[in-house]
Amino acid sequence: MPSIWNRNYNQIMQILRMKEWDDPRFESLFTASIWCKNYDEIVKILHMEKWNYARYQKLLTPTIWSSNASNIMKILEMKEWNDPKFQGLLTSNIWQCNVDTIKEIVKMDEWNDPKFQSLLTSNIWKSNISDIKKILSLDIFNDSKYSHLLVPSIFNISLSNLYATIELFKEYGIDEYITNRAIRRNVKLQRLLFEYMVSHNIDLVIEQKNGKLILNPIINASNHDLKSEYGIDIKGLSYMKRGIK
């Protein structure tokens, strides 16, 4: 966290007295993270003409201070924001990326495929170009059985865990019911949960009133909810498996 104590008195007062803080557009930017920028850089950022347009004002959050004036301007001027496909990417967490990475991502040919266009949300900035390409090139997504996994949260899941979890679900013959929530859990803990459920005669797949089969909600539950709602201490099971008491 940048510290105010790294500045001298005159530098601090120069920033604090800026008339720009009286502008409602910039009020939310007046936070401790501002001390990572000097006065001239702050002025450059706040005086950008783009902030006069409503579509860009949503980007005015403190995360902007993690970028710099040059990078910010280049991002704002990208012609891709005029394409409806990419407008959902224009959110404040875009400042986590540099302009070259952003351009690489939006120019990927894969976005011309309708099955991937639903992934064009701000979640994409939590990943990197290499992982994005690997995820979109996965063979499993050529199988309609797994197409429902193509949602933005896929970028928050490690590839190794994704593959291993699918293999685990295949092993138990329930891979067609796999969910995004299920693949977020560490695969070793997931296996322990399956073993526990089978040994206690708890169905992995259940039938709804309309006759449709779905994954048992227990499998989608967080570790906290497993313990509080279902009485299953999955971490405790892990300790027992390793012989730890």
C-alpha atoms as a PDB file:
ATOM      1  CA  MET A   1       0.000   0.000   0.000  1.00  0.00           C
ATOM      2  CA  PRO A   2       1.552   3.360  -1.011  1.00  0.00           C
ATOM      3  CA  SER A   3       2.186   5.593   1.977  1.00  0.00           C
ATOM      4  CA  ILE A   4       1.627   9.311   2.421  1.00  0.00           C
ATOM      5  CA  TRP A   5       4.801   9.347   4.513  1.00  0.00           C
ATOM      6  CA  ASN A   6       6.906   8.869   1.403  1.00  0.00           C
ATOM      7  CA  ARG A   7       6.022  12.445   0.390  1.00  0.00           C
ATOM      8  CA  ASN A   8       7.179  15.763   1.743  1.00  0.00           C
ATOM      9  CA  TYR A   9       4.752  18.349   3.076  1.00  0.00           C
ATOM     10  CA  ASN A  10       4.603  20.461  -0.089  1.00  0.00           C
ATOM     11  CA  GLN A  11       3.923  17.448  -2.330  1.00  0.00           C
ATOM     12  CA  ILE A  12       1.126  16.298  -0.041  1.00  0.00           C
ATOM     13  CA  MET A  13      -0.518  19.702   0.118  1.00  0.00           C
ATOM     14  CA  GLN A  14      -0.276  20.138  -3.651  1.00  0.00           C
ATOM     15  CA  ILE A  15      -2.286  16.934  -4.172  1.00  0.00           C
ATOM     16  CA  LEU A  16      -4.747  17.559  -1.337  1.00  0.00           C
ATOM     17  CA  ARG A  17      -5.573  21.053  -2.618  1.00  0.00           C
ATOM     18  CA  MET A  18      -6.402  19.969  -6.155  1.00  0.00           C
ATOM     19  CA  LYS A  19      -9.724  21.445  -7.206  1.00  0.00           C
ATOM     20  CA  GLU A  20     -10.472  18.235  -9.119  1.00  0.00           C
ATOM     21  CA  TRP A  21     -11.563  16.508  -5.899  1.00  0.00           C
ATOM     22  CA  ASP A  22     -14.646  18.733  -5.899  1.00  0.00           C
ATOM     23  CA  ASP A  23     -15.757  17.101  -9.165  1.00  0.00           C
ATOM     24  CA  PRO A  24     -18.225  14.238  -8.429  1.00  0.00           C
ATOM     25  CA  ARG A  25     -16.576  12.152 -11.167  1.00  0.00           C
ATOM     26  CA  PHE A  26     -13.316  11.984  -9.235  1.00  0.00           C
ATOM     27  CA  GLU A  27     -14.479  11.760  -5.617  1.00  0.00           C
ATOM     28  CA  SER A  28     -14.097   7.959  -5.504  1.00  0.00           C
ATOM     29  CA  LEU A  29     -10.454   8.244  -6.626  1.00  0.00           C
ATOM     30  CA  PHE A  30      -9.436  10.199  -3.544  1.00  0.00           C
ATOM     31  CA  THR A  31      -8.087   7.235  -1.571  1.00  0.00           C
ATOM     32  CA  ALA A  32      -4.788   6.185  -0.015  1.00  0.00           C
ATOM     33  CA  SER A  33      -3.723   4.485  -3.252  1.00  0.00           C
ATOM     34  CA  ILE A  34      -3.285   7.922  -4.808  1.00  0.00           C
ATOM     35  CA  TRP A  35       0.107   8.253  -3.129  1.00  0.00           C
ATOM     36  CA  CYS A  36       1.646   5.921  -5.689  1.00  0.00           C
ATOM     37  CA  LYS A  37       1.363   8.775  -8.200  1.00  0.00           C
ATOM     38  CA  ASN A  38       3.004  12.175  -8.288  1.00  0.00           C
ATOM     39  CA  TYR A  39       1.096  15.396  -8.820  1.00  0.00           C
ATOM     40  CA  ASP A  40       1.852  15.712 -12.555  1.00  0.00           C
ATOM     41  CA  GLU A  41       0.751  12.134 -13.262  1.00  0.00           C
ATOM     42  CA  ILE A  42      -2.482  12.625 -11.307  1.00  0.00           C
ATOM     43  CA  VAL A  43      -3.254  15.784 -13.259  1.00  0.00           C
ATOM     44  CA  LYS A  44      -2.624  14.009 -16.588  1.00  0.00           C
ATOM     45  CA  ILE A  45      -4.997  11.196 -15.646  1.00  0.00           C
ATOM     46  CA  LEU A  46      -7.805  13.400 -14.316  1.00  0.00           C
ATOM     47  CA  HIS A  47      -7.661  15.818 -17.257  1.00  0.00           C
ATOM     48  CA  MET A  48      -8.230  13.182 -19.921  1.00  0.00           C
ATOM     49  CA  GLU A  49     -11.064  14.206 -22.252  1.00  0.00           C
ATOM     50  CA  LYS A  50     -12.537  10.695 -22.214  1.00  0.00           C
ATOM     51  CA  TRP A  51     -13.911  11.266 -18.689  1.00  0.00           C
ATOM     52  CA  ASN A  52     -16.465  13.648 -20.200  1.00  0.00           C
ATOM     53  CA  TYR A  53     -18.223  10.622 -21.719  1.00  0.00           C
ATOM     54  CA  ALA A  54     -20.530   8.507 -19.578  1.00  0.00           C
ATOM     55  CA  ARG A  55     -19.309   5.207 -21.053  1.00  0.00           C
ATOM     56  CA  TYR A  56     -15.843   5.789 -19.587  1.00  0.00           C
ATOM     57  CA  GLN A  57     -16.816   7.245 -16.219  1.00  0.00           C
ATOM     58  CA  LYS A  58     -17.503   3.775 -14.793  1.00  0.00           C
ATOM     59  CA  LEU A  59     -13.751   3.174 -15.110  1.00  0.00           C
ATOM     60  CA  LEU A  60     -13.026   5.876 -12.550  1.00  0.00           C
ATOM     61  CA  THR A  61     -12.260   3.760  -9.497  1.00  0.00           C
ATOM     62  CA  PRO A  62      -9.121   3.669  -7.307  1.00  0.00           C
ATOM     63  CA  THR A  63      -7.762   0.740  -9.336  1.00  0.00           C
ATOM     64  CA  ILE A  64      -6.838   3.297 -11.973  1.00  0.00           C
ATOM     65  CA  TRP A  65      -3.831   4.302  -9.875  1.00  0.00           C
ATOM     66  CA  SER A  66      -2.268   0.904 -10.574  1.00  0.00           C
ATOM     67  CA  SER A  67      -1.840   2.054 -14.181  1.00  0.00           C
ATOM     68  CA  ASN A  68      -0.197   5.157 -15.637  1.00  0.00           C
ATOM     69  CA  ALA A  69      -1.371   8.030 -17.827  1.00  0.00           C
ATOM     70  CA  SER A  70       0.195   6.713 -21.015  1.00  0.00           C
ATOM     71  CA  ASN A  71      -1.255   3.207 -20.604  1.00  0.00           C
ATOM     72  CA  ILE A  72      -4.669   4.581 -19.603  1.00  0.00           C
ATOM     73  CA  MET A  73      -4.909   6.844 -22.634  1.00  0.00           C
ATOM     74  CA  LYS A  74      -3.873   4.084 -25.034  1.00  0.00           C
ATOM     75  CA  ILE A  75      -6.493   1.747 -23.562  1.00  0.00           C
ATOM     76  CA  LEU A  76      -9.262   4.353 -23.738  1.00  0.00           C
ATOM     77  CA  GLU A  77      -8.461   5.123 -27.374  1.00  0.00           C
ATOM     78  CA  MET A  78      -8.666   1.522 -28.570  1.00  0.00           C
ATOM     79  CA  LYS A  79     -11.082   1.286 -31.490  1.00  0.00           C
ATOM     80  CA  GLU A  80     -12.248  -2.137 -30.298  1.00  0.00           C
ATOM     81  CA  TRP A  81     -14.546  -0.508 -27.713  1.00  0.00           C
ATOM     82  CA  ASN A  82     -16.831   0.464 -30.593  1.00  0.00           C
ATOM     83  CA  ASP A  83     -17.459  -3.235 -31.274  1.00  0.00           C
ATOM     84  CA  PRO A  84     -20.489  -4.443 -29.242  1.00  0.00           C
ATOM     85  CA  LYS A  85     -18.646  -7.751 -28.673  1.00  0.00           C
ATOM     86  CA  PHE A  86     -16.045  -6.084 -26.476  1.00  0.00           C
ATOM     87  CA  GLN A  87     -18.003  -3.410 -24.663  1.00  0.00           C
ATOM     88  CA  GLY A  88     -18.530  -5.695 -21.658  1.00  0.00           C
ATOM     89  CA  LEU A  89     -14.756  -5.757 -21.140  1.00  0.00           C
ATOM     90  CA  LEU A  90     -14.577  -2.050 -20.449  1.00  0.00           C
ATOM     91  CA  THR A  91     -14.657  -2.193 -16.650  1.00  0.00           C
ATOM     92  CA  SER A  92     -12.395  -0.810 -13.944  1.00  0.00           C
ATOM     93  CA  ASN A  93     -10.403  -4.019 -13.471  1.00  0.00           C
ATOM     94  CA  ILE A  94      -8.992  -3.491 -16.962  1.00  0.00           C
ATOM     95  CA  TRP A  95      -6.320  -1.388 -15.243  1.00  0.00           C
ATOM     96  CA  GLN A  96      -4.713  -4.626 -14.080  1.00  0.00           C
ATOM     97  CA  CYS A  97      -3.442  -5.109 -17.652  1.00  0.00           C
ATOM     98  CA  ASN A  98      -1.178  -3.182 -19.962  1.00  0.00           C
ATOM     99  CA  VAL A  99      -2.430  -2.062 -23.342  1.00  0.00           C
ATOM    100  CA  ASP A 100      -0.365  -4.608 -25.310  1.00  0.00           C
ATOM    101  CA  THR A 101      -1.880  -7.522 -23.378  1.00  0.00           C
ATOM    102  CA  ILE A 102      -5.372  -6.106 -23.847  1.00  0.00           C
ATOM    103  CA  LYS A 103      -4.868  -5.737 -27.585  1.00  0.00           C
ATOM    104  CA  GLU A 104      -3.578  -9.300 -27.831  1.00  0.00           C
ATOM    105  CA  ILE A 105      -6.637 -10.620 -26.020  1.00  0.00           C
ATOM    106  CA  VAL A 106      -9.295  -8.724 -27.982  1.00  0.00           C
ATOM    107  CA  LYS A 107      -7.672  -9.586 -31.326  1.00  0.00           C
ATOM    108  CA  MET A 108      -7.890 -13.336 -30.733  1.00  0.00           C
ATOM    109  CA  ASP A 109      -9.667 -15.093 -33.624  1.00  0.00           C
ATOM    110  CA  GLU A 110     -11.567 -17.267 -31.150  1.00  0.00           C
ATOM    111  CA  TRP A 111     -13.973 -14.413 -30.335  1.00  0.00           C
ATOM    112  CA  ASN A 112     -15.494 -14.846 -33.796  1.00  0.00           C
ATOM    113  CA  ASP A 113     -16.822 -18.217 -32.606  1.00  0.00           C
ATOM    114  CA  PRO A 114     -20.274 -17.696 -30.998  1.00  0.00           C
ATOM    115  CA  LYS A 115     -19.614 -20.365 -28.357  1.00  0.00           C
ATOM    116  CA  PHE A 116     -16.861 -18.224 -26.823  1.00  0.00           C
ATOM    117  CA  GLN A 117     -18.498 -14.804 -26.961  1.00  0.00           C
ATOM    118  CA  SER A 118     -20.268 -15.257 -23.618  1.00  0.00           C
ATOM    119  CA  LEU A 119     -16.794 -15.310 -22.017  1.00  0.00           C
ATOM    120  CA  LEU A 120     -16.163 -11.694 -22.970  1.00  0.00           C
ATOM    121  CA  THR A 121     -16.705 -10.184 -19.547  1.00  0.00           C
ATOM    122  CA  SER A 122     -14.411  -8.381 -17.119  1.00  0.00           C
ATOM    123  CA  ASN A 123     -13.481 -11.758 -15.580  1.00  0.00           C
ATOM    124  CA  ILE A 124     -11.093 -12.163 -18.465  1.00  0.00           C
ATOM    125  CA  TRP A 125      -8.701  -9.589 -16.983  1.00  0.00           C
ATOM    126  CA  LYS A 126      -8.036 -11.955 -14.062  1.00  0.00           C
ATOM    127  CA  SER A 127      -6.279 -14.287 -16.494  1.00  0.00           C
ATOM    128  CA  ASN A 128      -3.465 -13.883 -19.013  1.00  0.00           C
ATOM    129  CA  ILE A 129      -3.198 -14.375 -22.755  1.00  0.00           C
ATOM    130  CA  SER A 130      -1.445 -17.751 -22.441  1.00  0.00           C
ATOM    131  CA  ASP A 131      -4.056 -19.266 -20.105  1.00  0.00           C
ATOM    132  CA  ILE A 132      -6.942 -17.807 -22.113  1.00  0.00           C
ATOM    133  CA  LYS A 133      -5.632 -19.417 -25.301  1.00  0.00           C
ATOM    134  CA  LYS A 134      -5.125 -22.747 -23.523  1.00  0.00           C
ATOM    135  CA  ILE A 135      -8.651 -22.712 -22.104  1.00  0.00           C
ATOM    136  CA  LEU A 136     -10.303 -21.837 -25.418  1.00  0.00           C
ATOM    137  CA  SER A 137      -8.326 -24.531 -27.241  1.00  0.00           C
ATOM    138  CA  LEU A 138      -9.333 -27.332 -24.855  1.00  0.00           C
ATOM    139  CA  ASP A 139     -10.681 -30.363 -26.735  1.00  0.00           C
ATOM    140  CA  ILE A 140     -13.356 -30.899 -24.100  1.00  0.00           C
ATOM    141  CA  PHE A 141     -15.251 -27.867 -25.357  1.00  0.00           C
ATOM    142  CA  ASN A 142     -15.815 -29.601 -28.677  1.00  0.00           C
ATOM    143  CA  ASP A 143     -18.051 -31.980 -26.718  1.00  0.00           C
ATOM    144  CA  SER A 144     -21.521 -30.525 -26.142  1.00  0.00           C
ATOM    145  CA  LYS A 145     -21.562 -32.390 -22.811  1.00  0.00           C
ATOM    146  CA  TYR A 146     -19.193 -29.769 -21.391  1.00  0.00           C
ATOM    147  CA  SER A 147     -20.344 -26.655 -23.249  1.00  0.00           C
ATOM    148  CA  HIS A 148     -22.242 -25.451 -20.145  1.00  0.00           C
ATOM    149  CA  LEU A 149     -18.863 -24.960 -18.432  1.00  0.00           C
ATOM    150  CA  LEU A 150     -18.083 -22.123 -20.844  1.00  0.00           C
ATOM    151  CA  VAL A 151     -18.971 -19.269 -18.524  1.00  0.00           C
ATOM    152  CA  PRO A 152     -16.727 -16.354 -17.438  1.00  0.00           C
ATOM    153  CA  SER A 153     -15.736 -18.025 -14.160  1.00  0.00           C
ATOM    154  CA  ILE A 154     -13.805 -20.614 -16.195  1.00  0.00           C
ATOM    155  CA  PHE A 155     -10.912 -18.138 -16.157  1.00  0.00           C
ATOM    156  CA  ASN A 156     -10.692 -18.439 -12.364  1.00  0.00           C
ATOM    157  CA  ILE A 157     -10.008 -22.190 -12.506  1.00  0.00           C
ATOM    158  CA  SER A 158      -6.607 -23.779 -13.006  1.00  0.00           C
ATOM    159  CA  LEU A 159      -6.289 -25.962 -16.089  1.00  0.00           C
ATOM    160  CA  SER A 160      -4.788 -28.818 -14.110  1.00  0.00           C
ATOM    161  CA  ASN A 161      -7.714 -28.838 -11.688  1.00  0.00           C
ATOM    162  CA  LEU A 162     -10.208 -28.633 -14.562  1.00  0.00           C
ATOM    163  CA  TYR A 163      -8.783 -31.695 -16.322  1.00  0.00           C
ATOM    164  CA  ALA A 164      -8.319 -33.699 -13.137  1.00  0.00           C
ATOM    165  CA  THR A 165     -11.859 -32.970 -11.947  1.00  0.00           C
ATOM    166  CA  ILE A 166     -13.395 -34.015 -15.247  1.00  0.00           C
ATOM    167  CA  GLU A 167     -11.425 -37.259 -15.094  1.00  0.00           C
ATOM    168  CA  LEU A 168     -12.689 -37.822 -11.557  1.00  0.00           C
ATOM    169  CA  PHE A 169     -16.296 -37.257 -12.611  1.00  0.00           C
ATOM    170  CA  LYS A 170     -15.764 -39.661 -15.534  1.00  0.00           C
ATOM    171  CA  GLU A 171     -14.435 -42.249 -13.126  1.00  0.00           C
ATOM    172  CA  TYR A 172     -17.712 -42.057 -11.190  1.00  0.00           C
ATOM    173  CA  GLY A 173     -19.780 -41.950 -14.396  1.00  0.00           C
ATOM    174  CA  ILE A 174     -21.289 -38.524 -13.686  1.00  0.00           C
ATOM    175  CA  ASP A 175     -19.231 -36.228 -15.911  1.00  0.00           C
ATOM    176  CA  GLU A 176     -22.275 -35.066 -17.874  1.00  0.00           C
ATOM    177  CA  TYR A 177     -23.555 -33.455 -14.656  1.00  0.00           C
ATOM    178  CA  ILE A 178     -20.350 -31.600 -13.808  1.00  0.00           C
ATOM    179  CA  THR A 179     -20.772 -27.957 -12.796  1.00  0.00           C
ATOM    180  CA  ASN A 180     -18.529 -24.896 -12.615  1.00  0.00           C
ATOM    181  CA  ARG A 181     -18.908 -24.799  -8.856  1.00  0.00           C
ATOM    182  CA  ALA A 182     -17.726 -28.379  -8.602  1.00  0.00           C
ATOM    183  CA  ILE A 183     -14.530 -27.781 -10.575  1.00  0.00           C
ATOM    184  CA  ARG A 184     -13.474 -24.981  -8.230  1.00  0.00           C
ATOM    185  CA  ARG A 185     -12.824 -27.437  -5.403  1.00  0.00           C
ATOM    186  CA  ASN A 186      -9.401 -29.013  -5.074  1.00  0.00           C
ATOM    187  CA  VAL A 187      -9.688 -32.352  -6.872  1.00  0.00           C
ATOM    188  CA  LYS A 188      -8.202 -34.310  -3.948  1.00  0.00           C
ATOM    189  CA  LEU A 189     -10.874 -32.938  -1.624  1.00  0.00           C
ATOM    190  CA  GLN A 190     -13.490 -33.626  -4.276  1.00  0.00           C
ATOM    191  CA  ARG A 191     -12.456 -37.280  -4.370  1.00  0.00           C
ATOM    192  CA  LEU A 192     -12.690 -37.502  -0.587  1.00  0.00           C
ATOM    193  CA  LEU A 193     -16.199 -36.044  -0.755  1.00  0.00           C
ATOM    194  CA  PHE A 194     -17.253 -38.624  -3.362  1.00  0.00           C
ATOM    195  CA  GLU A 195     -15.821 -41.430  -1.275  1.00  0.00           C
ATOM    196  CA  TYR A 196     -17.651 -40.161   1.803  1.00  0.00           C
ATOM    197  CA  MET A 197     -20.966 -39.862  -0.047  1.00  0.00           C
ATOM    198  CA  VAL A 198     -20.715 -43.324  -1.590  1.00  0.00           C
ATOM    199  CA  SER A 199     -19.767 -44.927   1.752  1.00  0.00           C
ATOM    200  CA  HIS A 200     -22.781 -43.239   3.391  1.00  0.00           C
ATOM    201  CA  ASN A 201     -25.176 -44.196   0.579  1.00  0.00           C
ATOM    202  CA  ILE A 202     -25.661 -40.581  -0.530  1.00  0.00           C
ATOM    203  CA  ASP A 203     -26.498 -40.335  -4.242  1.00  0.00           C
ATOM    204  CA  LEU A 204     -24.057 -38.302  -6.345  1.00  0.00           C
ATOM    205  CA  VAL A 205     -26.859 -37.498  -8.788  1.00  0.00           C
ATOM    206  CA  ILE A 206     -30.451 -36.830  -7.746  1.00  0.00           C
ATOM    207  CA  GLU A 207     -33.754 -36.634  -9.591  1.00  0.00           C
ATOM    208  CA  GLN A 208     -35.772 -33.424  -9.556  1.00  0.00           C
ATOM    209  CA  LYS A 209     -39.588 -33.306  -9.462  1.00  0.00           C
ATOM    210  CA  ASN A 210     -39.668 -32.846 -13.229  1.00  0.00           C
ATOM    211  CA  GLY A 211     -37.667 -36.038 -13.660  1.00  0.00           C
ATOM    212  CA  LYS A 212     -34.443 -34.273 -14.644  1.00  0.00           C
ATOM    213  CA  LEU A 213     -31.232 -35.617 -13.146  1.00  0.00           C
ATOM    214  CA  ILE A 214     -28.819 -33.127 -11.606  1.00  0.00           C
ATOM    215  CA  LEU A 215     -25.658 -33.217  -9.526  1.00  0.00           C
ATOM    216  CA  ASN A 216     -26.397 -33.546  -5.827  1.00  0.00           C
ATOM    217  CA  PRO A 217     -26.235 -29.998  -4.336  1.00  0.00           C
ATOM    218  CA  ILE A 218     -23.873 -31.353  -1.695  1.00  0.00           C
ATOM    219  CA  ILE A 219     -21.159 -31.547  -4.370  1.00  0.00           C
ATOM    220  CA  ASN A 220     -21.672 -27.903  -5.313  1.00  0.00           C
ATOM    221  CA  ALA A 221     -21.550 -26.689  -1.711  1.00  0.00           C
ATOM    222  CA  SER A 222     -18.585 -24.695  -0.437  1.00  0.00           C
ATOM    223  CA  ASN A 223     -16.365 -26.293   2.203  1.00  0.00           C
ATOM    224  CA  HIS A 224     -17.991 -24.020   4.800  1.00  0.00           C
ATOM    225  CA  ASP A 225     -21.519 -25.008   3.757  1.00  0.00           C
ATOM    226  CA  LEU A 226     -20.578 -28.687   3.663  1.00  0.00           C
ATOM    227  CA  LYS A 227     -19.770 -28.455   7.356  1.00  0.00           C
ATOM    228  CA  SER A 228     -22.547 -26.095   8.478  1.00  0.00           C
ATOM    229  CA  GLU A 229     -25.435 -27.459   6.375  1.00  0.00           C
ATOM    230  CA  TYR A 230     -24.519 -31.103   5.772  1.00  0.00           C
ATOM    231  CA  GLY A 231     -22.240 -31.920   8.697  1.00  0.00           C
ATOM    232  CA  ILE A 232     -19.377 -32.947   6.421  1.00  0.00           C
ATOM    233  CA  ASP A 233     -15.968 -31.667   7.505  1.00  0.00           C
ATOM    234  CA  ILE A 234     -14.103 -32.206   4.262  1.00  0.00           C
ATOM    235  CA  LYS A 235     -10.825 -30.891   5.635  1.00  0.00           C
ATOM    236  CA  GLY A 236     -11.231 -33.219   8.578  1.00  0.00           C
ATOM    237  CA  LEU A 237     -11.633 -36.087   6.123  1.00  0.00           C
ATOM    238  CA  SER A 238      -8.385 -35.009   4.510  1.00  0.00           C
ATOM    239  CA  TYR A 239      -6.561 -35.068   7.845  1.00  0.00           C
ATOM    240  CA  MET A 240      -7.958 -38.521   8.575  1.00  0.00           C
ATOM    241  CA  LYS A 241      -6.828 -39.749   5.147  1.00  0.00           C
ATOM    242  CA  ARG A 242      -3.299 -38.651   5.947  1.00  0.00           C
ATOM    243  CA  GLY A 243      -3.430 -40.208   9.398  1.00  0.00           C
ATOM    244  CA  ILE A 244      -3.446 -36.837  11.194  1.00  0.00           C
ATOM    245  CA  LYS A 245      -5.553 -36.655  14.323  1.00  0.00           C
END
